[in-house]
């Protein structure tokens, strides 16, 4: 299991989901951060959700809340 795989699964409960991981060179030196891959993975997930909400013509927060279990 690669470093990025551990945080690649988003916290949202989508009915159909496929996650593809590709390792890339880090943007910043992250050896001192907790959860080394969490920062770029969360940024990628949340940015993608913004794009999906925009395409669906929905409020981004409402779009997110629909897929949270708690």
N, C-alpha and C. Protein backbone atom coordinates (compact mmCIF):
# COMPACT_ATOMS: atom_id res chain seq x y z
N UNK A 1 0.84 -1.18 0.00
CA UNK A 1 0.00 0.00 0.00
C UNK A 1 0.88 1.24 0.00
N UNK A 2 0.62 2.14 -0.92
CA UNK A 2 1.38 3.37 -1.02
C UNK A 2 0.86 4.40 -0.01
N UNK A 3 1.64 5.44 0.22
CA UNK A 3 1.25 6.48 1.17
C UNK A 3 -0.08 7.13 0.81
N UNK A 4 -0.29 7.44 -0.45
CA UNK A 4 -1.51 8.13 -0.87
C UNK A 4 -2.76 7.27 -0.78
N UNK A 5 -2.61 5.96 -0.81
CA UNK A 5 -3.76 5.06 -0.77
C UNK A 5 -4.52 5.14 0.55
N UNK A 6 -3.83 5.43 1.62
CA UNK A 6 -4.45 5.39 2.95
C UNK A 6 -5.54 6.43 3.12
N UNK A 7 -5.42 7.56 2.45
CA UNK A 7 -6.43 8.62 2.60
C UNK A 7 -7.16 8.88 1.29
N UNK A 8 -7.12 7.97 0.37
CA UNK A 8 -7.74 8.18 -0.94
C UNK A 8 -9.25 8.00 -0.90
N UNK A 9 -9.77 7.26 0.05
CA UNK A 9 -11.21 7.03 0.13
C UNK A 9 -11.86 8.23 0.82
N UNK A 10 -12.78 8.92 0.15
CA UNK A 10 -13.40 10.10 0.75
C UNK A 10 -14.37 9.74 1.87
N UNK A 11 -14.69 10.72 2.69
CA UNK A 11 -15.60 10.50 3.81
C UNK A 11 -17.06 10.50 3.39
N UNK A 12 -17.33 10.77 2.13
CA UNK A 12 -18.70 10.82 1.62
C UNK A 12 -19.15 9.42 1.18
N UNK A 13 -20.44 9.14 1.36
CA UNK A 13 -20.99 7.82 1.02
C UNK A 13 -21.70 7.90 -0.33
N UNK A 14 -20.95 7.76 -1.40
CA UNK A 14 -21.54 7.78 -2.74
C UNK A 14 -22.10 6.41 -3.07
N UNK A 15 -23.25 6.34 -3.77
CA UNK A 15 -23.81 5.03 -4.09
C UNK A 15 -22.93 4.23 -5.04
N UNK A 16 -22.24 4.89 -5.95
CA UNK A 16 -21.34 4.22 -6.89
C UNK A 16 -20.01 4.97 -6.84
N UNK A 17 -18.95 4.27 -6.48
CA UNK A 17 -17.68 4.96 -6.34
C UNK A 17 -16.54 4.05 -6.80
N UNK A 18 -15.60 4.65 -7.51
CA UNK A 18 -14.37 3.97 -7.90
C UNK A 18 -13.24 4.95 -7.62
N UNK A 19 -12.25 4.52 -6.86
CA UNK A 19 -11.12 5.37 -6.50
C UNK A 19 -9.88 4.85 -7.21
N UNK A 20 -9.21 5.74 -7.93
CA UNK A 20 -7.97 5.40 -8.62
C UNK A 20 -6.86 6.24 -8.01
N UNK A 21 -5.78 5.61 -7.60
CA UNK A 21 -4.66 6.33 -6.97
C UNK A 21 -3.44 6.28 -7.89
N UNK A 22 -2.80 7.43 -8.03
CA UNK A 22 -1.54 7.50 -8.75
C UNK A 22 -0.58 8.34 -7.92
N UNK A 23 0.55 7.78 -7.59
CA UNK A 23 1.54 8.53 -6.82
C UNK A 23 2.15 9.63 -7.68
N UNK A 24 2.38 10.76 -7.06
CA UNK A 24 3.00 11.90 -7.74
C UNK A 24 4.01 12.53 -6.79
N UNK A 25 4.92 13.26 -7.34
CA UNK A 25 5.90 13.95 -6.51
C UNK A 25 5.17 14.95 -5.61
N UNK A 26 5.55 15.05 -4.35
CA UNK A 26 4.87 15.97 -3.44
C UNK A 26 5.08 17.42 -3.84
N UNK A 27 4.07 18.23 -3.58
CA UNK A 27 4.14 19.66 -3.88
C UNK A 27 5.04 20.37 -2.87
N UNK A 28 4.88 20.00 -1.61
CA UNK A 28 5.72 20.56 -0.55
C UNK A 28 6.35 19.41 0.22
N UNK A 29 7.42 19.70 0.90
CA UNK A 29 8.03 18.68 1.74
C UNK A 29 7.11 18.44 2.92
N UNK A 30 6.60 17.22 3.05
CA UNK A 30 5.54 16.94 4.01
C UNK A 30 5.97 16.03 5.15
N UNK A 31 7.24 15.81 5.33
CA UNK A 31 7.68 14.86 6.34
C UNK A 31 7.29 15.26 7.75
N UNK A 32 7.06 16.52 7.99
CA UNK A 32 6.71 16.98 9.33
C UNK A 32 5.21 16.99 9.57
N UNK A 33 4.38 16.82 8.54
CA UNK A 33 2.93 16.88 8.70
C UNK A 33 2.38 15.56 9.21
N UNK A 34 1.32 15.64 9.99
CA UNK A 34 0.59 14.42 10.34
C UNK A 34 -0.31 14.08 9.15
N UNK A 35 -0.38 12.85 8.80
CA UNK A 35 -1.19 12.46 7.65
C UNK A 35 -0.61 13.02 6.37
N UNK A 36 0.54 12.53 5.99
CA UNK A 36 1.30 13.08 4.87
C UNK A 36 0.47 13.25 3.61
N UNK A 37 -0.33 12.27 3.26
CA UNK A 37 -1.09 12.37 2.02
C UNK A 37 -2.49 12.93 2.22
N UNK A 38 -2.89 13.15 3.45
CA UNK A 38 -4.24 13.64 3.71
C UNK A 38 -4.49 15.01 3.09
N UNK A 39 -3.54 15.91 3.22
CA UNK A 39 -3.72 17.27 2.73
C UNK A 39 -4.01 17.32 1.22
N UNK A 40 -3.17 16.75 0.37
CA UNK A 40 -3.49 16.81 -1.06
C UNK A 40 -4.72 15.99 -1.45
N UNK A 41 -4.97 14.87 -0.76
CA UNK A 41 -6.14 14.07 -1.10
C UNK A 41 -7.44 14.78 -0.76
N UNK A 42 -7.50 15.41 0.41
CA UNK A 42 -8.71 16.15 0.79
C UNK A 42 -8.93 17.31 -0.17
N UNK A 43 -7.85 18.01 -0.53
CA UNK A 43 -7.98 19.11 -1.49
C UNK A 43 -8.56 18.61 -2.81
N UNK A 44 -8.07 17.47 -3.28
CA UNK A 44 -8.57 16.90 -4.54
C UNK A 44 -10.05 16.52 -4.42
N UNK A 45 -10.43 15.84 -3.33
CA UNK A 45 -11.83 15.44 -3.14
C UNK A 45 -12.74 16.65 -3.11
N UNK A 46 -12.40 17.63 -2.29
CA UNK A 46 -13.27 18.79 -2.11
C UNK A 46 -13.34 19.65 -3.38
N UNK A 47 -12.25 19.75 -4.10
CA UNK A 47 -12.28 20.50 -5.37
C UNK A 47 -13.18 19.81 -6.38
N UNK A 48 -13.11 18.49 -6.42
CA UNK A 48 -13.95 17.74 -7.35
C UNK A 48 -15.42 17.88 -6.98
N UNK A 49 -15.73 17.86 -5.69
CA UNK A 49 -17.11 18.03 -5.26
C UNK A 49 -17.63 19.41 -5.68
N UNK A 50 -16.80 20.43 -5.55
CA UNK A 50 -17.20 21.77 -6.01
C UNK A 50 -17.56 21.75 -7.49
N UNK A 51 -16.75 21.07 -8.29
CA UNK A 51 -17.02 20.99 -9.73
C UNK A 51 -18.32 20.23 -10.01
N UNK A 52 -18.53 19.12 -9.29
CA UNK A 52 -19.76 18.35 -9.50
C UNK A 52 -20.99 19.16 -9.11
N UNK A 53 -20.92 19.86 -7.99
CA UNK A 53 -22.05 20.68 -7.55
C UNK A 53 -22.33 21.79 -8.56
N UNK A 54 -21.29 22.41 -9.07
CA UNK A 54 -21.46 23.47 -10.07
C UNK A 54 -22.13 22.94 -11.32
N UNK A 55 -21.68 21.77 -11.78
CA UNK A 55 -22.27 21.18 -12.99
C UNK A 55 -23.73 20.79 -12.77
N UNK A 56 -24.05 20.37 -11.53
CA UNK A 56 -25.43 19.99 -11.21
C UNK A 56 -26.30 21.20 -10.90
N UNK A 57 -25.71 22.38 -10.82
CA UNK A 57 -26.46 23.59 -10.49
C UNK A 57 -26.94 23.61 -9.06
N UNK A 58 -26.17 22.99 -8.17
CA UNK A 58 -26.56 22.88 -6.76
C UNK A 58 -25.60 23.65 -5.87
N UNK A 59 -26.09 23.96 -4.67
CA UNK A 59 -25.25 24.57 -3.66
C UNK A 59 -24.19 23.56 -3.22
N UNK A 60 -22.91 23.94 -3.18
CA UNK A 60 -21.85 22.99 -2.84
C UNK A 60 -21.99 22.37 -1.44
N UNK A 61 -22.48 23.15 -0.48
CA UNK A 61 -22.65 22.61 0.88
C UNK A 61 -23.79 21.59 0.90
N UNK A 62 -24.91 21.93 0.30
CA UNK A 62 -26.04 21.00 0.24
C UNK A 62 -25.65 19.72 -0.49
N UNK A 63 -24.86 19.86 -1.54
CA UNK A 63 -24.39 18.70 -2.29
C UNK A 63 -23.57 17.78 -1.39
N UNK A 64 -22.67 18.35 -0.60
CA UNK A 64 -21.84 17.56 0.32
C UNK A 64 -22.69 16.88 1.39
N UNK A 65 -23.60 17.64 1.99
CA UNK A 65 -24.41 17.11 3.09
C UNK A 65 -25.25 15.91 2.66
N UNK A 66 -25.65 15.89 1.40
CA UNK A 66 -26.45 14.77 0.90
C UNK A 66 -25.68 13.45 0.98
N UNK A 67 -24.36 13.50 0.90
CA UNK A 67 -23.56 12.28 0.87
C UNK A 67 -22.84 11.98 2.18
N UNK A 68 -23.13 12.71 3.24
CA UNK A 68 -22.55 12.40 4.54
C UNK A 68 -23.51 11.53 5.33
N UNK A 69 -22.99 10.47 5.94
CA UNK A 69 -23.84 9.57 6.72
C UNK A 69 -24.23 10.12 8.07
N UNK A 70 -23.38 10.93 8.66
CA UNK A 70 -23.68 11.43 10.00
C UNK A 70 -23.97 12.88 9.91
